[in-house]
Amino acid sequence: PVCRAGETYIVLRGELEKASAPGKPPVVFRAGEVVQQFGCVYRKLPPIKAKARGACTLLVLSSADVWELMVTLPPKFGLMLLQSLVQLAQPPSQPGGGKTLAPSTASTDGLV
């Protein structure tokens, strides 16, 4: 497996294969696709189990690298990054599937 917690990957060349549920074909990530989109901003997300299908080149974005950019670049960078991540997020699979935390239970633990 090539994916680790706290990292996001962009496939530059080749393919990554993520195992699926029994009886379903594997998910294949190809050049230009993003794997583990939120890994670089939330370190506590479990890594996916993926392996390279032959020669593969990945751009790795670690949470430490993204944090360094967030604190050194103008705030506009961070806002644009968050906006992009929200656009990448999948909509809920069912109505009412979201969960709202009470302010006292919300935590930023694990965020970059």
PDB file of N, CA and C in Angstrom:
ATOM      1  N   PRO A   1       0.828  -1.205   0.000  1.00  0.00           N
ATOM      2  CA  PRO A   1       0.000   0.000   0.000  1.00  0.00           C
ATOM      3  C   PRO A   1       0.867   1.262   0.000  1.00  0.00           C
ATOM      4  N   VAL A   2       0.416   2.288  -0.694  1.00  0.00           N
ATOM      5  CA  VAL A   2       1.206   3.506  -0.794  1.00  0.00           C
ATOM      6  C   VAL A   2       0.635   4.676  -0.011  1.00  0.00           C
ATOM      7  N   CYS A   3      -0.595   4.615   0.435  1.00  0.00           N
ATOM      8  CA  CYS A   3      -1.218   5.754   1.110  1.00  0.00           C
ATOM      9  C   CYS A   3      -0.954   5.728   2.613  1.00  0.00           C
ATOM     10  N   ARG A   4      -0.676   6.923   3.157  1.00  0.00           N
ATOM     11  CA  ARG A   4      -0.451   7.072   4.598  1.00  0.00           C
ATOM     12  C   ARG A   4      -1.389   8.153   5.131  1.00  0.00           C
ATOM     13  N   ALA A   5      -1.672   8.078   6.419  1.00  0.00           N
ATOM     14  CA  ALA A   5      -2.496   9.098   7.070  1.00  0.00           C
ATOM     15  C   ALA A   5      -1.783  10.436   6.984  1.00  0.00           C
ATOM     16  N   GLY A   6      -2.542  11.515   6.859  1.00  0.00           N
ATOM     17  CA  GLY A   6      -1.965  12.856   6.820  1.00  0.00           C
ATOM     18  C   GLY A   6      -1.420  13.254   5.468  1.00  0.00           C
ATOM     19  N   GLU A   7      -1.759  12.501   4.432  1.00  0.00           N
ATOM     20  CA  GLU A   7      -1.255  12.818   3.096  1.00  0.00           C
ATOM     21  C   GLU A   7      -2.373  12.757   2.058  1.00  0.00           C
ATOM     22  N   THR A   8      -2.236  13.600   1.032  1.00  0.00           N
ATOM     23  CA  THR A   8      -3.101  13.601  -0.141  1.00  0.00           C
ATOM     24  C   THR A   8      -2.206  13.318  -1.332  1.00  0.00           C
ATOM     25  N   TYR A   9      -2.739  12.618  -2.315  1.00  0.00           N
ATOM     26  CA  TYR A   9      -1.952  12.227  -3.476  1.00  0.00           C
ATOM     27  C   TYR A   9      -2.628  12.689  -4.766  1.00  0.00           C
ATOM     28  N   ILE A  10      -1.826  13.158  -5.686  1.00  0.00           N
ATOM     29  CA  ILE A  10      -2.298  13.470  -7.035  1.00  0.00           C
ATOM     30  C   ILE A  10      -1.528  12.533  -7.963  1.00  0.00           C
ATOM     31  N   VAL A  11      -2.254  11.752  -8.744  1.00  0.00           N
ATOM     32  CA  VAL A  11      -1.617  10.808  -9.660  1.00  0.00           C
ATOM     33  C   VAL A  11      -1.098  11.604 -10.860  1.00  0.00           C
ATOM     34  N   LEU A  12       0.207  11.596 -11.052  1.00  0.00           N
ATOM     35  CA  LEU A  12       0.814  12.293 -12.186  1.00  0.00           C
ATOM     36  C   LEU A  12       0.969  11.370 -13.388  1.00  0.00           C
ATOM     37  N   ARG A  13       1.318  10.116 -13.103  1.00  0.00           N
ATOM     38  CA  ARG A  13       1.504   9.139 -14.175  1.00  0.00           C
ATOM     39  C   ARG A  13       1.224   7.751 -13.618  1.00  0.00           C
ATOM     40  N   GLY A  14       0.609   6.920 -14.426  1.00  0.00           N
ATOM     41  CA  GLY A  14       0.293   5.566 -13.998  1.00  0.00           C
ATOM     42  C   GLY A  14      -1.073   5.496 -13.343  1.00  0.00           C
ATOM     43  N   GLU A  15      -1.270   4.439 -12.550  1.00  0.00           N
ATOM     44  CA  GLU A  15      -2.565   4.208 -11.915  1.00  0.00           C
ATOM     45  C   GLU A  15      -2.397   3.654 -10.503  1.00  0.00           C
ATOM     46  N   LEU A  16      -3.332   4.019  -9.643  1.00  0.00           N
ATOM     47  CA  LEU A  16      -3.443   3.434  -8.304  1.00  0.00           C
ATOM     48  C   LEU A  16      -4.744   2.653  -8.261  1.00  0.00           C
ATOM     49  N   GLU A  17      -4.715   1.544  -7.556  1.00  0.00           N
ATOM     50  CA  GLU A  17      -5.910   0.714  -7.423  1.00  0.00           C
ATOM     51  C   GLU A  17      -6.297   0.609  -5.956  1.00  0.00           C
ATOM     52  N   LYS A  18      -7.562   0.922  -5.676  1.00  0.00           N
ATOM     53  CA  LYS A  18      -8.108   0.816  -4.315  1.00  0.00           C
ATOM     54  C   LYS A  18      -9.043  -0.383  -4.286  1.00  0.00           C
ATOM     55  N   ALA A  19      -8.832  -1.253  -3.317  1.00  0.00           N
ATOM     56  CA  ALA A  19      -9.688  -2.436  -3.185  1.00  0.00           C
ATOM     57  C   ALA A  19     -11.120  -2.009  -2.869  1.00  0.00           C
ATOM     58  N   SER A  20     -12.071  -2.750  -3.382  1.00  0.00           N
ATOM     59  CA  SER A  20     -13.491  -2.493  -3.124  1.00  0.00           C
ATOM     60  C   SER A  20     -14.081  -3.648  -2.332  1.00  0.00           C
ATOM     61  N   ALA A  21     -15.343  -3.514  -2.036  1.00  0.00           N
ATOM     62  CA  ALA A  21     -16.066  -4.580  -1.333  1.00  0.00           C
ATOM     63  C   ALA A  21     -16.063  -5.842  -2.195  1.00  0.00           C
ATOM     64  N   PRO A  22     -16.131  -7.009  -1.561  1.00  0.00           N
ATOM     65  CA  PRO A  22     -16.160  -8.256  -2.333  1.00  0.00           C
ATOM     66  C   PRO A  22     -17.253  -8.229  -3.400  1.00  0.00           C
ATOM     67  N   GLY A  23     -16.899  -8.694  -4.582  1.00  0.00           N
ATOM     68  CA  GLY A  23     -17.855  -8.731  -5.685  1.00  0.00           C
ATOM     69  C   GLY A  23     -17.918  -7.464  -6.505  1.00  0.00           C
ATOM     70  N   LYS A  24     -17.232  -6.410  -6.069  1.00  0.00           N
ATOM     71  CA  LYS A  24     -17.223  -5.154  -6.822  1.00  0.00           C
ATOM     72  C   LYS A  24     -15.835  -4.943  -7.420  1.00  0.00           C
ATOM     73  N   PRO A  25     -15.769  -4.321  -8.583  1.00  0.00           N
ATOM     74  CA  PRO A  25     -14.450  -4.076  -9.184  1.00  0.00           C
ATOM     75  C   PRO A  25     -13.678  -3.036  -8.371  1.00  0.00           C
ATOM     76  N   PRO A  26     -12.344  -3.083  -8.430  1.00  0.00           N
ATOM     77  CA  PRO A  26     -11.557  -2.094  -7.692  1.00  0.00           C
ATOM     78  C   PRO A  26     -11.746  -0.699  -8.279  1.00  0.00           C
ATOM     79  N   VAL A  27     -11.535   0.311  -7.441  1.00  0.00           N
ATOM     80  CA  VAL A  27     -11.578   1.695  -7.895  1.00  0.00           C
ATOM     81  C   VAL A  27     -10.180   2.022  -8.425  1.00  0.00           C
ATOM     82  N   VAL A  28     -10.111   2.595  -9.614  1.00  0.00           N
ATOM     83  CA  VAL A  28      -8.819   2.920 -10.225  1.00  0.00           C
ATOM     84  C   VAL A  28      -8.685   4.434 -10.341  1.00  0.00           C
ATOM     85  N   PHE A  29      -7.575   4.960  -9.834  1.00  0.00           N
ATOM     86  CA  PHE A  29      -7.260   6.384  -9.937  1.00  0.00           C
ATOM     87  C   PHE A  29      -6.218   6.541 -11.036  1.00  0.00           C
ATOM     88  N   ARG A  30      -6.484   7.455 -11.974  1.00  0.00           N
ATOM     89  CA  ARG A  30      -5.589   7.664 -13.107  1.00  0.00           C
ATOM     90  C   ARG A  30      -4.969   9.059 -13.048  1.00  0.00           C
ATOM     91  N   ALA A  31      -4.063   9.329 -13.979  1.00  0.00           N
ATOM     92  CA  ALA A  31      -3.362  10.614 -14.024  1.00  0.00           C
ATOM     93  C   ALA A  31      -4.349  11.777 -13.908  1.00  0.00           C
ATOM     94  N   GLY A  32      -4.035  12.710 -13.019  1.00  0.00           N
ATOM     95  CA  GLY A  32      -4.867  13.889 -12.806  1.00  0.00           C
ATOM     96  C   GLY A  32      -5.890  13.733 -11.694  1.00  0.00           C
ATOM     97  N   GLU A  33      -6.079  12.527 -11.186  1.00  0.00           N
ATOM     98  CA  GLU A  33      -7.072  12.312 -10.141  1.00  0.00           C
ATOM     99  C   GLU A  33      -6.437  12.431  -8.756  1.00  0.00           C
ATOM    100  N   VAL A  34      -7.263  12.838  -7.799  1.00  0.00           N
ATOM    101  CA  VAL A  34      -6.804  13.066  -6.428  1.00  0.00           C
ATOM    102  C   VAL A  34      -7.243  11.888  -5.558  1.00  0.00           C
ATOM    103  N   VAL A  35      -6.306  11.394  -4.759  1.00  0.00           N
ATOM    104  CA  VAL A  35      -6.556  10.270  -3.875  1.00  0.00           C
ATOM    105  C   VAL A  35      -6.448  10.768  -2.440  1.00  0.00           C
ATOM    106  N   GLN A  36      -7.436  10.424  -1.630  1.00  0.00           N
ATOM    107  CA  GLN A  36      -7.421  10.804  -0.208  1.00  0.00           C
ATOM    108  C   GLN A  36      -7.418  12.339  -0.073  1.00  0.00           C
ATOM    109  N   GLN A  37      -8.401  12.987  -0.722  1.00  0.00           N
ATOM    110  CA  GLN A  37      -8.450  14.448  -0.832  1.00  0.00           C
ATOM    111  C   GLN A  37      -8.257  15.198   0.475  1.00  0.00           C
ATOM    112  N   PHE A  38      -8.812  14.697   1.553  1.00  0.00           N
ATOM    113  CA  PHE A  38      -8.786  15.437   2.806  1.00  0.00           C
ATOM    114  C   PHE A  38      -7.642  15.031   3.728  1.00  0.00           C
ATOM    115  N   GLY A  39      -6.829  14.100   3.306  1.00  0.00           N
ATOM    116  CA  GLY A  39      -5.732  13.621   4.135  1.00  0.00           C
ATOM    117  C   GLY A  39      -4.756  14.702   4.547  1.00  0.00           C
ATOM    118  N   CYS A  40      -4.496  15.663   3.659  1.00  0.00           N
ATOM    119  CA  CYS A  40      -3.500  16.699   3.967  1.00  0.00           C
ATOM    120  C   CYS A  40      -4.033  17.786   4.891  1.00  0.00           C
ATOM    121  N   VAL A  41      -5.333  17.799   5.153  1.00  0.00           N
ATOM    122  CA  VAL A  41      -5.871  18.814   6.067  1.00  0.00           C
ATOM    123  C   VAL A  41      -6.443  18.215   7.349  1.00  0.00           C
ATOM    124  N   TYR A  42      -6.615  16.907   7.369  1.00  0.00           N
ATOM    125  CA  TYR A  42      -7.125  16.251   8.578  1.00  0.00           C
ATOM    126  C   TYR A  42      -6.350  14.954   8.787  1.00  0.00           C
ATOM    127  N   ARG A  43      -5.347  15.032   9.639  1.00  0.00           N
ATOM    128  CA  ARG A  43      -4.397  13.927   9.838  1.00  0.00           C
ATOM    129  C   ARG A  43      -5.018  12.657  10.399  1.00  0.00           C
ATOM    130  N   LYS A  44      -6.151  12.760  11.071  1.00  0.00           N
ATOM    131  CA  LYS A  44      -6.725  11.590  11.744  1.00  0.00           C
ATOM    132  C   LYS A  44      -7.584  10.711  10.839  1.00  0.00           C
ATOM    133  N   LEU A  45      -7.791  11.119   9.600  1.00  0.00           N
ATOM    134  CA  LEU A  45      -8.547  10.262   8.692  1.00  0.00           C
ATOM    135  C   LEU A  45      -7.729   9.010   8.405  1.00  0.00           C
ATOM    136  N   PRO A  46      -8.351   7.850   8.417  1.00  0.00           N
ATOM    137  CA  PRO A  46      -7.592   6.630   8.133  1.00  0.00           C
ATOM    138  C   PRO A  46      -7.188   6.610   6.654  1.00  0.00           C
ATOM    139  N   PRO A  47      -5.993   6.120   6.370  1.00  0.00           N
ATOM    140  CA  PRO A  47      -5.560   6.050   4.972  1.00  0.00           C
ATOM    141  C   PRO A  47      -6.323   4.963   4.224  1.00  0.00           C
ATOM    142  N   ILE A  48      -6.509   5.185   2.931  1.00  0.00           N
ATOM    143  CA  ILE A  48      -7.134   4.145   2.126  1.00  0.00           C
ATOM    144  C   ILE A  48      -6.078   3.105   1.780  1.00  0.00           C
ATOM    145  N   LYS A  49      -6.516   1.928   1.437  1.00  0.00           N
ATOM    146  CA  LYS A  49      -5.601   0.865   1.033  1.00  0.00           C
ATOM    147  C   LYS A  49      -5.558   0.856  -0.490  1.00  0.00           C
ATOM    148  N   ALA A  50      -4.462   1.356  -1.024  1.00  0.00           N
ATOM    149  CA  ALA A  50      -4.301   1.419  -2.466  1.00  0.00           C
ATOM    150  C   ALA A  50      -2.900   0.952  -2.827  1.00  0.00           C
ATOM    151  N   LYS A  51      -2.781   0.439  -4.033  1.00  0.00           N
ATOM    152  CA  LYS A  51      -1.466   0.010  -4.508  1.00  0.00           C
ATOM    153  C   LYS A  51      -1.292   0.475  -5.946  1.00  0.00           C
ATOM    154  N   ALA A  52      -0.039   0.668  -6.322  1.00  0.00           N
ATOM    155  CA  ALA A  52       0.268   1.088  -7.682  1.00  0.00           C
ATOM    156  C   ALA A  52       0.026  -0.073  -8.636  1.00  0.00           C
ATOM    157  N   ARG A  53      -0.473   0.268  -9.815  1.00  0.00           N
ATOM    158  CA  ARG A  53      -0.632  -0.727 -10.887  1.00  0.00           C
ATOM    159  C   ARG A  53       0.514  -0.494 -11.860  1.00  0.00           C
ATOM    160  N   GLY A  54       1.653  -1.058 -11.565  1.00  0.00           N
ATOM    161  CA  GLY A  54       2.838  -0.833 -12.399  1.00  0.00           C
ATOM    162  C   GLY A  54       3.533   0.448 -11.977  1.00  0.00           C
ATOM    163  N   ALA A  55       4.305   1.027 -12.904  1.00  0.00           N
ATOM    164  CA  ALA A  55       5.029   2.263 -12.611  1.00  0.00           C
ATOM    165  C   ALA A  55       4.028   3.388 -12.375  1.00  0.00           C
ATOM    166  N   CYS A  56       4.262   4.169 -11.321  1.00  0.00           N
ATOM    167  CA  CYS A  56       3.318   5.213 -10.941  1.00  0.00           C
ATOM    168  C   CYS A  56       4.087   6.377 -10.318  1.00  0.00           C
ATOM    169  N   THR A  57       3.727   7.590 -10.694  1.00  0.00           N
ATOM    170  CA  THR A  57       4.328   8.783 -10.112  1.00  0.00           C
ATOM    171  C   THR A  57       3.234   9.576  -9.420  1.00  0.00           C
ATOM    172  N   LEU A  58       3.477   9.897  -8.144  1.00  0.00           N
ATOM    173  CA  LEU A  58       2.487  10.618  -7.339  1.00  0.00           C
ATOM    174  C   LEU A  58       3.075  11.921  -6.822  1.00  0.00           C
ATOM    175  N   LEU A  59       2.253  12.955  -6.758  1.00  0.00           N
ATOM    176  CA  LEU A  59       2.594  14.183  -6.044  1.00  0.00           C
ATOM    177  C   LEU A  59       1.993  14.011  -4.654  1.00  0.00           C
ATOM    178  N   VAL A  60       2.831  14.118  -3.624  1.00  0.00           N
ATOM    179  CA  VAL A  60       2.382  13.902  -2.249  1.00  0.00           C
ATOM    180  C   VAL A  60       2.288  15.239  -1.531  1.00  0.00           C
ATOM    181  N   LEU A  61       1.119  15.532  -0.972  1.00  0.00           N
ATOM    182  CA  LEU A  61       0.905  16.732  -0.171  1.00  0.00           C
ATOM    183  C   LEU A  61       0.711  16.294   1.267  1.00  0.00           C
ATOM    184  N   SER A  62       1.662  16.599   2.114  1.00  0.00           N
ATOM    185  CA  SER A  62       1.547  16.197   3.520  1.00  0.00           C
ATOM    186  C   SER A  62       0.887  17.299   4.329  1.00  0.00           C
ATOM    187  N   SER A  63       0.328  16.922   5.461  1.00  0.00           N
ATOM    188  CA  SER A  63      -0.320  17.919   6.315  1.00  0.00           C
ATOM    189  C   SER A  63       0.699  18.947   6.805  1.00  0.00           C
ATOM    190  N   ALA A  64       1.938  18.535   7.056  1.00  0.00           N
ATOM    191  CA  ALA A  64       2.973  19.479   7.500  1.00  0.00           C
ATOM    192  C   ALA A  64       3.275  20.508   6.415  1.00  0.00           C
ATOM    193  N   ASP A  65       3.352  20.057   5.167  1.00  0.00           N
ATOM    194  CA  ASP A  65       3.618  20.981   4.059  1.00  0.00           C
ATOM    195  C   ASP A  65       2.471  21.965   3.862  1.00  0.00           C
ATOM    196  N   VAL A  66       1.243  21.443   3.928  1.00  0.00           N
ATOM    197  CA  VAL A  66       0.073  22.316   3.742  1.00  0.00           C
ATOM    198  C   VAL A  66      -0.009  23.316   4.889  1.00  0.00           C
ATOM    199  N   TRP A  67       0.261  22.882   6.113  1.00  0.00           N
ATOM    200  CA  TRP A  67       0.237  23.802   7.249  1.00  0.00           C
ATOM    201  C   TRP A  67       1.255  24.915   7.053  1.00  0.00           C
ATOM    202  N   GLU A  68       2.449  24.570   6.598  1.00  0.00           N
ATOM    203  CA  GLU A  68       3.493  25.575   6.355  1.00  0.00           C
ATOM    204  C   GLU A  68       3.007  26.626   5.350  1.00  0.00           C
ATOM    205  N   LEU A  69       2.326  26.186   4.305  1.00  0.00           N
ATOM    206  CA  LEU A  69       1.779  27.122   3.321  1.00  0.00           C
ATOM    207  C   LEU A  69       0.673  27.980   3.932  1.00  0.00           C
ATOM    208  N   MET A  70      -0.154  27.365   4.762  1.00  0.00           N
ATOM    209  CA  MET A  70      -1.273  28.098   5.370  1.00  0.00           C
ATOM    210  C   MET A  70      -0.791  29.244   6.257  1.00  0.00           C
ATOM    211  N   VAL A  71       0.320  29.043   6.957  1.00  0.00           N
ATOM    212  CA  VAL A  71       0.780  30.077   7.887  1.00  0.00           C
ATOM    213  C   VAL A  71       1.747  31.073   7.248  1.00  0.00           C
ATOM    214  N   THR A  72       2.278  30.762   6.076  1.00  0.00           N
ATOM    215  CA  THR A  72       3.217  31.691   5.452  1.00  0.00           C
ATOM    216  C   THR A  72       2.624  32.480   4.288  1.00  0.00           C
ATOM    217  N   LEU A  73       1.642  31.937   3.619  1.00  0.00           N
ATOM    218  CA  LEU A  73       1.023  32.631   2.490  1.00  0.00           C
ATOM    219  C   LEU A  73      -0.145  33.491   2.971  1.00  0.00           C
ATOM    220  N   PRO A  74      -0.581  34.435   2.138  1.00  0.00           N
ATOM    221  CA  PRO A  74      -1.732  35.268   2.525  1.00  0.00           C
ATOM    222  C   PRO A  74      -2.972  34.409   2.815  1.00  0.00           C
ATOM    223  N   PRO A  75      -3.880  34.909   3.660  1.00  0.00           N
ATOM    224  CA  PRO A  75      -5.091  34.152   4.016  1.00  0.00           C
ATOM    225  C   PRO A  75      -5.909  33.709   2.803  1.00  0.00           C
ATOM    226  N   LYS A  76      -5.809  34.431   1.714  1.00  0.00           N
ATOM    227  CA  LYS A  76      -6.561  34.076   0.513  1.00  0.00           C
ATOM    228  C   LYS A  76      -6.224  32.652   0.059  1.00  0.00           C
ATOM    229  N   PHE A  77      -4.969  32.229   0.240  1.00  0.00           N
ATOM    230  CA  PHE A  77      -4.580  30.870  -0.152  1.00  0.00           C
ATOM    231  C   PHE A  77      -5.387  29.839   0.628  1.00  0.00           C
ATOM    232  N   GLY A  78      -5.438  29.993   1.940  1.00  0.00           N
ATOM    233  CA  GLY A  78      -6.166  29.046   2.782  1.00  0.00           C
ATOM    234  C   GLY A  78      -7.641  28.996   2.437  1.00  0.00           C
ATOM    235  N   LEU A  79      -8.223  30.150   2.200  1.00  0.00           N
ATOM    236  CA  LEU A  79      -9.643  30.196   1.846  1.00  0.00           C
ATOM    237  C   LEU A  79      -9.901  29.515   0.507  1.00  0.00           C
ATOM    238  N   MET A  80      -9.016  29.725  -0.456  1.00  0.00           N
ATOM    239  CA  MET A  80      -9.176  29.085  -1.765  1.00  0.00           C
ATOM    240  C   MET A  80      -8.987  27.568  -1.657  1.00  0.00           C
ATOM    241  N   LEU A  81      -8.046  27.130  -0.817  1.00  0.00           N
ATOM    242  CA  LEU A  81      -7.835  25.699  -0.611  1.00  0.00           C
ATOM    243  C   LEU A  81      -9.085  25.066  -0.006  1.00  0.00           C
ATOM    244  N   LEU A  82      -9.641  25.696   1.016  1.00  0.00           N
ATOM    245  CA  LEU A  82     -10.850  25.160   1.645  1.00  0.00           C
ATOM    246  C   LEU A  82     -12.022  25.139   0.667  1.00  0.00           C
ATOM    247  N   GLN A  83     -12.145  26.179  -0.142  1.00  0.00           N
ATOM    248  CA  GLN A  83     -13.213  26.219  -1.140  1.00  0.00           C
ATOM    249  C   GLN A  83     -13.058  25.063  -2.127  1.00  0.00           C
ATOM    250  N   SER A  84     -11.844  24.799  -2.558  1.00  0.00           N
ATOM    251  CA  SER A  84     -11.596  23.695  -3.486  1.00  0.00           C
ATOM    252  C   SER A  84     -11.934  22.349  -2.857  1.00  0.00           C
ATOM    253  N   LEU A  85     -11.583  22.179  -1.593  1.00  0.00           N
ATOM    254  CA  LEU A  85     -11.876  20.922  -0.904  1.00  0.00           C
ATOM    255  C   LEU A  85     -13.375  20.702  -0.764  1.00  0.00           C
ATOM    256  N   VAL A  86     -14.111  21.782  -0.487  1.00  0.00           N
ATOM    257  CA  VAL A  86     -15.574  21.667  -0.367  1.00  0.00           C
ATOM    258  C   VAL A  86     -16.162  21.254  -1.708  1.00  0.00           C
ATOM    259  N   GLN A  87     -15.635  21.780  -2.801  1.00  0.00           N
ATOM    260  CA  GLN A  87     -16.142  21.419  -4.121  1.00  0.00           C
ATOM    261  C   GLN A  87     -15.827  19.962  -4.457  1.00  0.00           C
ATOM    262  N   LEU A  88     -14.720  19.432  -3.938  1.00  0.00           N
ATOM    263  CA  LEU A  88     -14.360  18.033  -4.167  1.00  0.00           C
ATOM    264  C   LEU A  88     -15.211  17.074  -3.350  1.00  0.00           C
ATOM    265  N   ALA A  89     -15.721  17.553  -2.225  1.00  0.00           N
ATOM    266  CA  ALA A  89     -16.475  16.681  -1.314  1.00  0.00           C
ATOM    267  C   ALA A  89     -17.719  16.141  -2.007  1.00  0.00           C
ATOM    268  N   GLN A  90     -17.996  14.882  -1.736  1.00  0.00           N
ATOM    269  CA  GLN A  90     -19.183  14.247  -2.294  1.00  0.00           C
ATOM    270  C   GLN A  90     -20.413  14.686  -1.501  1.00  0.00           C
ATOM    271  N   PRO A  91     -21.544  14.846  -2.179  1.00  0.00           N
ATOM    272  CA  PRO A  91     -22.768  15.168  -1.438  1.00  0.00           C
ATOM    273  C   PRO A  91     -23.168  13.975  -0.574  1.00  0.00           C
ATOM    274  N   PRO A  92     -23.981  14.196   0.466  1.00  0.00           N
ATOM    275  CA  PRO A  92     -24.431  13.087   1.313  1.00  0.00           C
ATOM    276  C   PRO A  92     -25.115  12.014   0.474  1.00  0.00           C
ATOM    277  N   SER A  93     -24.960  10.762   0.865  1.00  0.00           N
ATOM    278  CA  SER A  93     -25.562   9.661   0.111  1.00  0.00           C
ATOM    279  C   SER A  93     -27.063   9.537   0.358  1.00  0.00           C
ATOM    280  N   GLN A  94     -27.561  10.200   1.406  1.00  0.00           N
ATOM    281  CA  GLN A  94     -28.985  10.159   1.696  1.00  0.00           C
ATOM    282  C   GLN A  94     -29.393  11.462   2.356  1.00  0.00           C
ATOM    283  N   PRO A  95     -30.662  11.866   2.204  1.00  0.00           N
ATOM    284  CA  PRO A  95     -31.106  13.092   2.852  1.00  0.00           C
ATOM    285  C   PRO A  95     -30.962  12.982   4.359  1.00  0.00           C
ATOM    286  N   GLY A  96     -30.528  14.061   4.976  1.00  0.00           N
ATOM    287  CA  GLY A  96     -30.394  14.082   6.421  1.00  0.00           C
ATOM    288  C   GLY A  96     -29.192  13.313   6.924  1.00  0.00           C
ATOM    289  N   GLY A  97     -28.278  12.943   6.009  1.00  0.00           N
ATOM    290  CA  GLY A  97     -27.130  12.137   6.395  1.00  0.00           C
ATOM    291  C   GLY A  97     -26.068  12.903   7.159  1.00  0.00           C
ATOM    292  N   GLY A  98     -26.148  14.239   7.129  1.00  0.00           N
ATOM    293  CA  GLY A  98     -25.150  15.033   7.832  1.00  0.00           C
ATOM    294  C   GLY A  98     -25.371  15.013   9.330  1.00  0.00           C
ATOM    295  N   LYS A  99     -24.336  15.321  10.061  1.00  0.00           N
ATOM    296  CA  LYS A  99     -24.425  15.339  11.517  1.00  0.00           C
ATOM    297  C   LYS A  99     -23.912  16.686  11.985  1.00  0.00           C
ATOM    298  N   THR A 100     -24.674  17.381  12.784  1.00  0.00           N
ATOM    299  CA  THR A 100     -24.258  18.671  13.308  1.00  0.00           C
ATOM    300  C   THR A 100     -23.840  18.493  14.757  1.00  0.00           C
ATOM    301  N   LEU A 101     -22.641  18.965  15.067  1.00  0.00           N
ATOM    302  CA  LEU A 101     -22.150  18.866  16.433  1.00  0.00           C
ATOM    303  C   LEU A 101     -22.521  20.116  17.211  1.00  0.00           C
ATOM    304  N   ALA A 102     -22.828  19.942  18.478  1.00  0.00           N
ATOM    305  CA  ALA A 102     -23.049  21.096  19.346  1.00  0.00           C
ATOM    306  C   ALA A 102     -21.720  21.827  19.487  1.00  0.00           C
ATOM    307  N   PRO A 103     -21.736  23.154  19.606  1.00  0.00           N
ATOM    308  CA  PRO A 103     -20.477  23.909  19.693  1.00  0.00           C
ATOM    309  C   PRO A 103     -19.520  23.390  20.755  1.00  0.00           C
ATOM    310  N   SER A 104     -20.033  22.893  21.870  1.00  0.00           N
ATOM    311  CA  SER A 104     -19.146  22.428  22.942  1.00  0.00           C
ATOM    312  C   SER A 104     -18.453  21.116  22.589  1.00  0.00           C
ATOM    313  N   THR A 105     -18.970  20.355  21.599  1.00  0.00           N
ATOM    314  CA  THR A 105     -18.368  19.077  21.250  1.00  0.00           C
ATOM    315  C   THR A 105     -17.534  19.160  19.973  1.00  0.00           C
ATOM    316  N   ALA A 106     -17.608  20.285  19.278  1.00  0.00           N
ATOM    317  CA  ALA A 106     -16.833  20.442  18.044  1.00  0.00           C
ATOM    318  C   ALA A 106     -15.346  20.499  18.417  1.00  0.00           C
ATOM    319  N   SER A 107     -14.535  19.890  17.573  1.00  0.00           N
ATOM    320  CA  SER A 107     -13.109  19.831  17.851  1.00  0.00           C
ATOM    321  C   SER A 107     -12.316  20.080  16.582  1.00  0.00           C
ATOM    322  N   THR A 108     -11.190  20.728  16.717  1.00  0.00           N
ATOM    323  CA  THR A 108     -10.287  20.909  15.580  1.00  0.00           C
ATOM    324  C   THR A 108      -9.104  19.967  15.715  1.00  0.00           C
ATOM    325  N   ASP A 109      -9.153  19.055  16.677  1.00  0.00           N
ATOM    326  CA  ASP A 109      -8.084  18.097  16.879  1.00  0.00           C
ATOM    327  C   ASP A 109      -7.839  17.314  15.596  1.00  0.00           C
ATOM    328  N   GLY A 110      -6.634  17.298  15.119  1.00  0.00           N
ATOM    329  CA  GLY A 110      -6.303  16.574  13.908  1.00  0.00           C
ATOM    330  C   GLY A 110      -6.243  17.458  12.680  1.00  0.00           C
ATOM    331  N   LEU A 111      -6.793  18.667  12.766  1.00  0.00           N
ATOM    332  CA  LEU A 111      -6.718  19.578  11.633  1.00  0.00           C
ATOM    333  C   LEU A 111      -5.324  20.176  11.564  1.00  0.00           C
ATOM    334  N   VAL A 112      -4.903  20.493  10.336  1.00  0.00           N
ATOM    335  CA  VAL A 112      -3.592  21.136  10.198  1.00  0.00           C
ATOM    336  C   VAL A 112      -3.657  22.543  10.695  1.00  0.00           C
TER     337      VAL A 112
END
